[in-house]
PDB file of N, CA and C in Angstrom:
ATOM      1  N   MET A   1      -4.121 -15.015   1.966  1.00  0.00           N
ATOM      2  CA  MET A   1      -3.485 -13.732   2.251  1.00  0.00           C
ATOM      3  C   MET A   1      -4.263 -12.572   1.611  1.00  0.00           C
ATOM      4  N   GLN A   2      -4.720 -12.766   0.387  1.00  0.00           N
ATOM      5  CA  GLN A   2      -5.450 -11.695  -0.308  1.00  0.00           C
ATOM      6  C   GLN A   2      -6.702 -11.300   0.470  1.00  0.00           C
ATOM      7  N   ARG A   3      -7.317 -12.270   1.134  1.00  0.00           N
ATOM      8  CA  ARG A   3      -8.533 -12.016   1.909  1.00  0.00           C
ATOM      9  C   ARG A   3      -8.312 -10.935   2.967  1.00  0.00           C
ATOM     10  N   LEU A   4      -7.116 -10.896   3.526  1.00  0.00           N
ATOM     11  CA  LEU A   4      -6.796  -9.872   4.524  1.00  0.00           C
ATOM     12  C   LEU A   4      -6.978  -8.468   3.968  1.00  0.00           C
ATOM     13  N   PHE A   5      -6.723  -8.304   2.678  1.00  0.00           N
ATOM     14  CA  PHE A   5      -6.797  -6.989   2.045  1.00  0.00           C
ATOM     15  C   PHE A   5      -8.153  -6.687   1.436  1.00  0.00           C
ATOM     16  N   THR A   6      -8.983  -7.711   1.242  1.00  0.00           N
ATOM     17  CA  THR A   6     -10.241  -7.497   0.523  1.00  0.00           C
ATOM     18  C   THR A   6     -11.496  -7.718   1.359  1.00  0.00           C
ATOM     19  N   GLN A   7     -11.398  -8.411   2.484  1.00  0.00           N
ATOM     20  CA  GLN A   7     -12.589  -8.734   3.264  1.00  0.00           C
ATOM     21  C   GLN A   7     -13.316  -7.486   3.757  1.00  0.00           C
ATOM     22  N   HIS A   8     -12.625  -6.617   4.463  1.00  0.00           N
ATOM     23  CA  HIS A   8     -13.287  -5.423   5.006  1.00  0.00           C
ATOM     24  C   HIS A   8     -13.816  -4.505   3.904  1.00  0.00           C
ATOM     25  N   PRO A   9     -13.021  -4.183   2.877  1.00  0.00           N
ATOM     26  CA  PRO A   9     -13.590  -3.350   1.805  1.00  0.00           C
ATOM     27  C   PRO A   9     -14.870  -3.962   1.210  1.00  0.00           C
ATOM     28  N   LYS A  10     -14.866  -5.273   1.017  1.00  0.00           N
ATOM     29  CA  LYS A  10     -16.056  -5.939   0.478  1.00  0.00           C
ATOM     30  C   LYS A  10     -17.248  -5.790   1.430  1.00  0.00           C
ATOM     31  N   GLU A  11     -16.987  -5.877   2.728  1.00  0.00           N
ATOM     32  CA  GLU A  11     -18.055  -5.742   3.727  1.00  0.00           C
ATOM     33  C   GLU A  11     -18.719  -4.378   3.676  1.00  0.00           C
ATOM     34  N   VAL A  12     -17.983  -3.369   3.252  1.00  0.00           N
ATOM     35  CA  VAL A  12     -18.542  -2.010   3.193  1.00  0.00           C
ATOM     36  C   VAL A  12     -18.885  -1.596   1.766  1.00  0.00           C
ATOM     37  N   GLY A  13     -18.876  -2.571   0.850  1.00  0.00           N
ATOM     38  CA  GLY A  13     -19.319  -2.307  -0.514  1.00  0.00           C
ATOM     39  C   GLY A  13     -18.323  -1.566  -1.378  1.00  0.00           C
ATOM     40  N   GLU A  14     -17.020  -1.776  -1.123  1.00  0.00           N
ATOM     41  CA  GLU A  14     -15.986  -1.084  -1.894  1.00  0.00           C
ATOM     42  C   GLU A  14     -14.951  -2.082  -2.380  1.00  0.00           C
ATOM     43  N   SER A  15     -14.277  -1.737  -3.464  1.00  0.00           N
ATOM     44  CA  SER A  15     -13.108  -2.503  -3.885  1.00  0.00           C
ATOM     45  C   SER A  15     -11.937  -2.080  -2.990  1.00  0.00           C
ATOM     46  N   TYR A  16     -10.822  -2.812  -3.115  1.00  0.00           N
ATOM     47  CA  TYR A  16      -9.644  -2.453  -2.339  1.00  0.00           C
ATOM     48  C   TYR A  16      -9.193  -1.026  -2.668  1.00  0.00           C
ATOM     49  N   GLY A  17      -9.143  -0.695  -3.954  1.00  0.00           N
ATOM     50  CA  GLY A  17      -8.709   0.638  -4.379  1.00  0.00           C
ATOM     51  C   GLY A  17      -9.655   1.731  -3.913  1.00  0.00           C
ATOM     52  N   GLU A  18     -10.955   1.485  -4.026  1.00  0.00           N
ATOM     53  CA  GLU A  18     -11.936   2.476  -3.557  1.00  0.00           C
ATOM     54  C   GLU A  18     -11.792   2.699  -2.058  1.00  0.00           C
ATOM     55  N   HIS A  19     -11.597   1.598  -1.325  1.00  0.00           N
ATOM     56  CA  HIS A  19     -11.468   1.710   0.126  1.00  0.00           C
ATOM     57  C   HIS A  19     -10.189   2.456   0.505  1.00  0.00           C
ATOM     58  N   MET A  20      -9.107   2.169  -0.221  1.00  0.00           N
ATOM     59  CA  MET A  20      -7.846   2.849   0.050  1.00  0.00           C
ATOM     60  C   MET A  20      -7.988   4.356  -0.178  1.00  0.00           C
ATOM     61  N   MET A  21      -8.613   4.742  -1.280  1.00  0.00           N
ATOM     62  CA  MET A  21      -8.777   6.168  -1.566  1.00  0.00           C
ATOM     63  C   MET A  21      -9.684   6.839  -0.529  1.00  0.00           C
ATOM     64  N   ALA A  22     -10.752   6.159  -0.126  1.00  0.00           N
ATOM     65  CA  ALA A  22     -11.636   6.719   0.906  1.00  0.00           C
ATOM     66  C   ALA A  22     -10.873   6.885   2.221  1.00  0.00           C
ATOM     67  N   ALA A  23     -10.077   5.874   2.583  1.00  0.00           N
ATOM     68  CA  ALA A  23      -9.299   5.954   3.820  1.00  0.00           C
ATOM     69  C   ALA A  23      -8.263   7.067   3.757  1.00  0.00           C
ATOM     70  N   PHE A  24      -7.600   7.225   2.610  1.00  0.00           N
ATOM     71  CA  PHE A  24      -6.640   8.318   2.449  1.00  0.00           C
ATOM     72  C   PHE A  24      -7.336   9.667   2.585  1.00  0.00           C
ATOM     73  N   SER A  25      -8.516   9.770   1.993  1.00  0.00           N
ATOM     74  CA  SER A  25      -9.279  11.016   2.068  1.00  0.00           C
ATOM     75  C   SER A  25      -9.670  11.332   3.512  1.00  0.00           C
ATOM     76  N   PHE A  26     -10.160  10.316   4.222  1.00  0.00           N
ATOM     77  CA  PHE A  26     -10.530  10.510   5.629  1.00  0.00           C
ATOM     78  C   PHE A  26      -9.306  10.866   6.451  1.00  0.00           C
ATOM     79  N   GLY A  27      -8.205  10.134   6.258  1.00  0.00           N
ATOM     80  CA  GLY A  27      -6.991  10.380   7.027  1.00  0.00           C
ATOM     81  C   GLY A  27      -6.428  11.769   6.788  1.00  0.00           C
ATOM     82  N   GLY A  28      -6.423  12.193   5.521  1.00  0.00           N
ATOM     83  CA  GLY A  28      -5.937  13.544   5.206  1.00  0.00           C
ATOM     84  C   GLY A  28      -6.789  14.622   5.840  1.00  0.00           C
ATOM     85  N   THR A  29      -8.103  14.415   5.774  1.00  0.00           N
ATOM     86  CA  THR A  29      -9.028  15.377   6.387  1.00  0.00           C
ATOM     87  C   THR A  29      -8.819  15.441   7.893  1.00  0.00           C
ATOM     88  N   MET A  30      -8.690  14.273   8.529  1.00  0.00           N
ATOM     89  CA  MET A  30      -8.486  14.244   9.981  1.00  0.00           C
ATOM     90  C   MET A  30      -7.139  14.854  10.363  1.00  0.00           C
ATOM     91  N   PHE A  31      -6.120  14.614   9.548  1.00  0.00           N
ATOM     92  CA  PHE A  31      -4.801  15.183   9.824  1.00  0.00           C
ATOM     93  C   PHE A  31      -4.850  16.711   9.808  1.00  0.00           C
ATOM     94  N   LEU A  32      -5.433  17.261   8.751  1.00  0.00           N
ATOM     95  CA  LEU A  32      -5.521  18.725   8.652  1.00  0.00           C
ATOM     96  C   LEU A  32      -6.397  19.304   9.756  1.00  0.00           C
ATOM     97  N   THR A  33      -7.485  18.607  10.064  1.00  0.00           N
ATOM     98  CA  THR A  33      -8.373  19.076  11.133  1.00  0.00           C
ATOM     99  C   THR A  33      -7.673  19.019  12.484  1.00  0.00           C
ATOM    100  N   SER A  34      -6.828  18.006  12.695  1.00  0.00           N
ATOM    101  CA  SER A  34      -6.109  17.921  13.971  1.00  0.00           C
ATOM    102  C   SER A  34      -5.174  19.120  14.150  1.00  0.00           C
ATOM    103  N   ILE A  35      -4.575  19.569  13.068  1.00  0.00           N
ATOM    104  CA  ILE A  35      -3.720  20.761  13.144  1.00  0.00           C
ATOM    105  C   ILE A  35      -4.566  21.979  13.523  1.00  0.00           C
ATOM    106  N   ALA A  36      -5.733  22.105  12.889  1.00  0.00           N
ATOM    107  CA  ALA A  36      -6.629  23.220  13.221  1.00  0.00           C
ATOM    108  C   ALA A  36      -7.046  23.154  14.687  1.00  0.00           C
ATOM    109  N   CYS A  37      -7.314  21.947  15.190  1.00  0.00           N
ATOM    110  CA  CYS A  37      -7.721  21.807  16.598  1.00  0.00           C
ATOM    111  C   CYS A  37      -6.582  22.166  17.551  1.00  0.00           C
ATOM    112  N   LEU A  38      -5.357  21.771  17.192  1.00  0.00           N
ATOM    113  CA  LEU A  38      -4.210  22.142  18.020  1.00  0.00           C
ATOM    114  C   LEU A  38      -4.022  23.656  18.048  1.00  0.00           C
ATOM    115  N   LEU A  39      -4.157  24.282  16.895  1.00  0.00           N
ATOM    116  CA  LEU A  39      -4.059  25.745  16.845  1.00  0.00           C
ATOM    117  C   LEU A  39      -5.205  26.394  17.624  1.00  0.00           C
ATOM    118  N   HIS A  40      -6.381  25.793  17.558  1.00  0.00           N
ATOM    119  CA  HIS A  40      -7.530  26.318  18.311  1.00  0.00           C
ATOM    120  C   HIS A  40      -7.255  26.276  19.825  1.00  0.00           C
ATOM    121  N   GLY A  41      -6.548  25.228  20.266  1.00  0.00           N
ATOM    122  CA  GLY A  41      -6.198  25.140  21.686  1.00  0.00           C
ATOM    123  C   GLY A  41      -5.329  26.299  22.132  1.00  0.00           C
ATOM    124  N   ILE A  42      -4.439  26.744  21.258  1.00  0.00           N
ATOM    125  CA  ILE A  42      -3.547  27.862  21.583  1.00  0.00           C
ATOM    126  C   ILE A  42      -4.240  29.203  21.349  1.00  0.00           C
ATOM    127  N   PHE A  43      -4.964  29.291  20.245  1.00  0.00           N
ATOM    128  CA  PHE A  43      -5.660  30.517  19.845  1.00  0.00           C
ATOM    129  C   PHE A  43      -7.163  30.222  19.744  1.00  0.00           C
ATOM    130  N   PRO A  44      -7.894  30.295  20.859  1.00  0.00           N
ATOM    131  CA  PRO A  44      -9.287  29.858  20.883  1.00  0.00           C
ATOM    132  C   PRO A  44     -10.213  30.618  19.935  1.00  0.00           C
ATOM    133  N   PHE A  45      -9.773  31.718  19.422  1.00  0.00           N
ATOM    134  CA  PHE A  45     -10.593  32.497  18.489  1.00  0.00           C
ATOM    135  C   PHE A  45     -10.462  31.979  17.057  1.00  0.00           C
ATOM    136  N   LEU A  46      -9.520  31.054  16.810  1.00  0.00           N
ATOM    137  CA  LEU A  46      -9.350  30.463  15.478  1.00  0.00           C
ATOM    138  C   LEU A  46     -10.051  29.103  15.405  1.00  0.00           C
ATOM    139  N   PHE A  47     -10.565  28.773  14.243  1.00  0.00           N
ATOM    140  CA  PHE A  47     -11.122  27.443  13.958  1.00  0.00           C
ATOM    141  C   PHE A  47     -12.146  27.001  15.005  1.00  0.00           C
ATOM    142  N   THR A  48     -13.077  27.884  15.342  1.00  0.00           N
ATOM    143  CA  THR A  48     -14.022  27.613  16.431  1.00  0.00           C
ATOM    144  C   THR A  48     -15.014  26.492  16.115  1.00  0.00           C
ATOM    145  N   ARG A  49     -15.264  26.215  14.840  1.00  0.00           N
ATOM    146  CA  ARG A  49     -16.212  25.154  14.492  1.00  0.00           C
ATOM    147  C   ARG A  49     -15.596  24.079  13.593  1.00  0.00           C
ATOM    148  N   THR A  50     -14.329  24.192  13.320  1.00  0.00           N
ATOM    149  CA  THR A  50     -13.681  23.289  12.369  1.00  0.00           C
ATOM    150  C   THR A  50     -13.744  21.830  12.823  1.00  0.00           C
ATOM    151  N   GLY A  51     -13.412  21.563  14.055  1.00  0.00           N
ATOM    152  CA  GLY A  51     -13.410  20.186  14.561  1.00  0.00           C
ATOM    153  C   GLY A  51     -14.782  19.551  14.532  1.00  0.00           C
ATOM    154  N   SER A  52     -15.767  20.240  15.066  1.00  0.00           N
ATOM    155  CA  SER A  52     -17.120  19.669  15.108  1.00  0.00           C
ATOM    156  C   SER A  52     -17.702  19.532  13.707  1.00  0.00           C
ATOM    157  N   ARG A  53     -17.409  20.480  12.842  1.00  0.00           N
ATOM    158  CA  ARG A  53     -17.892  20.396  11.458  1.00  0.00           C
ATOM    159  C   ARG A  53     -17.252  19.218  10.732  1.00  0.00           C
ATOM    160  N   CYS A  54     -15.977  18.995  10.967  1.00  0.00           N
ATOM    161  CA  CYS A  54     -15.283  17.875  10.354  1.00  0.00           C
ATOM    162  C   CYS A  54     -15.867  16.539  10.819  1.00  0.00           C
ATOM    163  N   VAL A  55     -16.080  16.407  12.114  1.00  0.00           N
ATOM    164  CA  VAL A  55     -16.649  15.166  12.653  1.00  0.00           C
ATOM    165  C   VAL A  55     -18.021  14.899  12.035  1.00  0.00           C
ATOM    166  N   THR A  56     -18.842  15.922  11.950  1.00  0.00           N
ATOM    167  CA  THR A  56     -20.174  15.767  11.353  1.00  0.00           C
ATOM    168  C   THR A  56     -20.068  15.344   9.889  1.00  0.00           C
ATOM    169  N   ASN A  57     -19.205  16.020   9.129  1.00  0.00           N
ATOM    170  CA  ASN A  57     -19.046  15.688   7.711  1.00  0.00           C
ATOM    171  C   ASN A  57     -18.502  14.279   7.511  1.00  0.00           C
ATOM    172  N   LEU A  58     -17.505  13.893   8.289  1.00  0.00           N
ATOM    173  CA  LEU A  58     -16.948  12.549   8.153  1.00  0.00           C
ATOM    174  C   LEU A  58     -17.978  11.495   8.542  1.00  0.00           C
ATOM    175  N   HIS A  59     -18.742  11.762   9.582  1.00  0.00           N
ATOM    176  CA  HIS A  59     -19.805  10.826   9.968  1.00  0.00           C
ATOM    177  C   HIS A  59     -20.800  10.651   8.832  1.00  0.00           C
ATOM    178  N   ASP A  60     -21.215  11.752   8.244  1.00  0.00           N
ATOM    179  CA  ASP A  60     -22.162  11.671   7.127  1.00  0.00           C
ATOM    180  C   ASP A  60     -21.567  10.889   5.961  1.00  0.00           C
ATOM    181  N   ARG A  61     -20.316  11.152   5.637  1.00  0.00           N
ATOM    182  CA  ARG A  61     -19.677  10.440   4.521  1.00  0.00           C
ATOM    183  C   ARG A  61     -19.551   8.952   4.806  1.00  0.00           C
ATOM    184  N   MET A  62     -19.211   8.615   6.036  1.00  0.00           N
ATOM    185  CA  MET A  62     -18.964   7.210   6.347  1.00  0.00           C
ATOM    186  C   MET A  62     -20.246   6.445   6.644  1.00  0.00           C
ATOM    187  N   VAL A  63     -21.026   6.910   7.590  1.00  0.00           N
ATOM    188  CA  VAL A  63     -22.169   6.142   8.086  1.00  0.00           C
ATOM    189  C   VAL A  63     -23.408   6.346   7.225  1.00  0.00           C
ATOM    190  N   VAL A  64     -23.770   7.578   6.960  1.00  0.00           N
ATOM    191  CA  VAL A  64     -24.997   7.848   6.212  1.00  0.00           C
ATOM    192  C   VAL A  64     -24.857   7.355   4.780  1.00  0.00           C
ATOM    193  N   ASN A  65     -23.755   7.676   4.115  1.00  0.00           N
ATOM    194  CA  ASN A  65     -23.561   7.231   2.737  1.00  0.00           C
ATOM    195  C   ASN A  65     -23.414   5.724   2.652  1.00  0.00           C
ATOM    196  N   ARG A  66     -22.740   5.104   3.603  1.00  0.00           N
ATOM    197  CA  ARG A  66     -22.600   3.649   3.599  1.00  0.00           C
ATOM    198  C   ARG A  66     -23.963   2.994   3.757  1.00  0.00           C
ATOM    199  N   SER A  67     -24.822   3.565   4.606  1.00  0.00           N
ATOM    200  CA  SER A  67     -26.171   3.021   4.774  1.00  0.00           C
ATOM    201  C   SER A  67     -26.935   3.080   3.463  1.00  0.00           C
ATOM    202  N   ARG A  68     -26.793   4.188   2.730  1.00  0.00           N
ATOM    203  CA  ARG A  68     -27.466   4.310   1.430  1.00  0.00           C
ATOM    204  C   ARG A  68     -26.955   3.264   0.453  1.00  0.00           C
ATOM    205  N   VAL A  69     -25.647   3.054   0.414  1.00  0.00           N
ATOM    206  CA  VAL A  69     -25.063   2.065  -0.501  1.00  0.00           C
ATOM    207  C   VAL A  69     -25.530   0.674  -0.123  1.00  0.00           C
ATOM    208  N   THR A  70     -25.508   0.346   1.172  1.00  0.00           N
ATOM    209  CA  THR A  70     -25.930  -0.972   1.626  1.00  0.00           C
ATOM    210  C   THR A  70     -27.392  -1.213   1.302  1.00  0.00           C
ATOM    211  N   ASN A  71     -28.241  -0.218   1.539  1.00  0.00           N
ATOM    212  CA  ASN A  71     -29.655  -0.360   1.232  1.00  0.00           C
ATOM    213  C   ASN A  71     -29.889  -0.536  -0.257  1.00  0.00           C
ATOM    214  N   THR A  72     -29.151   0.187  -1.080  1.00  0.00           N
ATOM    215  CA  THR A  72     -29.283   0.068  -2.540  1.00  0.00           C
ATOM    216  C   THR A  72     -28.841  -1.327  -2.986  1.00  0.00           C
ATOM    217  N   GLN A  73     -27.769  -1.840  -2.408  1.00  0.00           N
ATOM    218  CA  GLN A  73     -27.298  -3.161  -2.772  1.00  0.00           C
ATOM    219  C   GLN A  73     -28.291  -4.234  -2.349  1.00  0.00           C
ATOM    220  N   ASN A  74     -28.915  -4.056  -1.173  1.00  0.00           N
ATOM    221  CA  ASN A  74     -29.913  -5.016  -0.715  1.00  0.00           C
ATOM    222  C   ASN A  74     -31.133  -5.030  -1.620  1.00  0.00           C
ATOM    223  N   ILE A  75     -31.542  -3.855  -2.075  1.00  0.00           N
ATOM    224  CA  ILE A  75     -32.691  -3.760  -2.976  1.00  0.00           C
ATOM    225  C   ILE A  75     -32.365  -4.407  -4.307  1.00  0.00           C
ATOM    226  N   SER A  76     -31.141  -4.195  -4.806  1.00  0.00           N
ATOM    227  CA  SER A  76     -30.722  -4.774  -6.084  1.00  0.00           C
ATOM    228  C   SER A  76     -30.663  -6.295  -6.010  1.00  0.00           C
ATOM    229  N   ALA A  77     -30.319  -6.826  -4.849  1.00  0.00           N
ATOM    230  CA  ALA A  77     -30.182  -8.275  -4.684  1.00  0.00           C
ATOM    231  C   ALA A  77     -31.540  -8.965  -4.624  1.00  0.00           C
ATOM    232  N   GLU A  78     -32.577  -8.235  -4.311  1.00  0.00           N
ATOM    233  CA  GLU A  78     -33.912  -8.843  -4.167  1.00  0.00           C
ATOM    234  C   GLU A  78     -34.558  -9.128  -5.451  1.00  0.00           C
TER     235      GLU A  78
END
């Protein structure tokens, strides 16, 4: 049963707690950005770059940083 909670975090180089905090951070950011996007739909002059900027930042945090961590771990293992 514990494996269900630890397998994925381990695959991405995080503990369960680290993964939970990262997921909460991503979810909170996406939640707030979704509100900005909804308001942008009604008022197109508001939040004109918020959605695209958020997607770019989250991508960098998730994919680019994870690649750096994975590469560092691979180098350490050698």
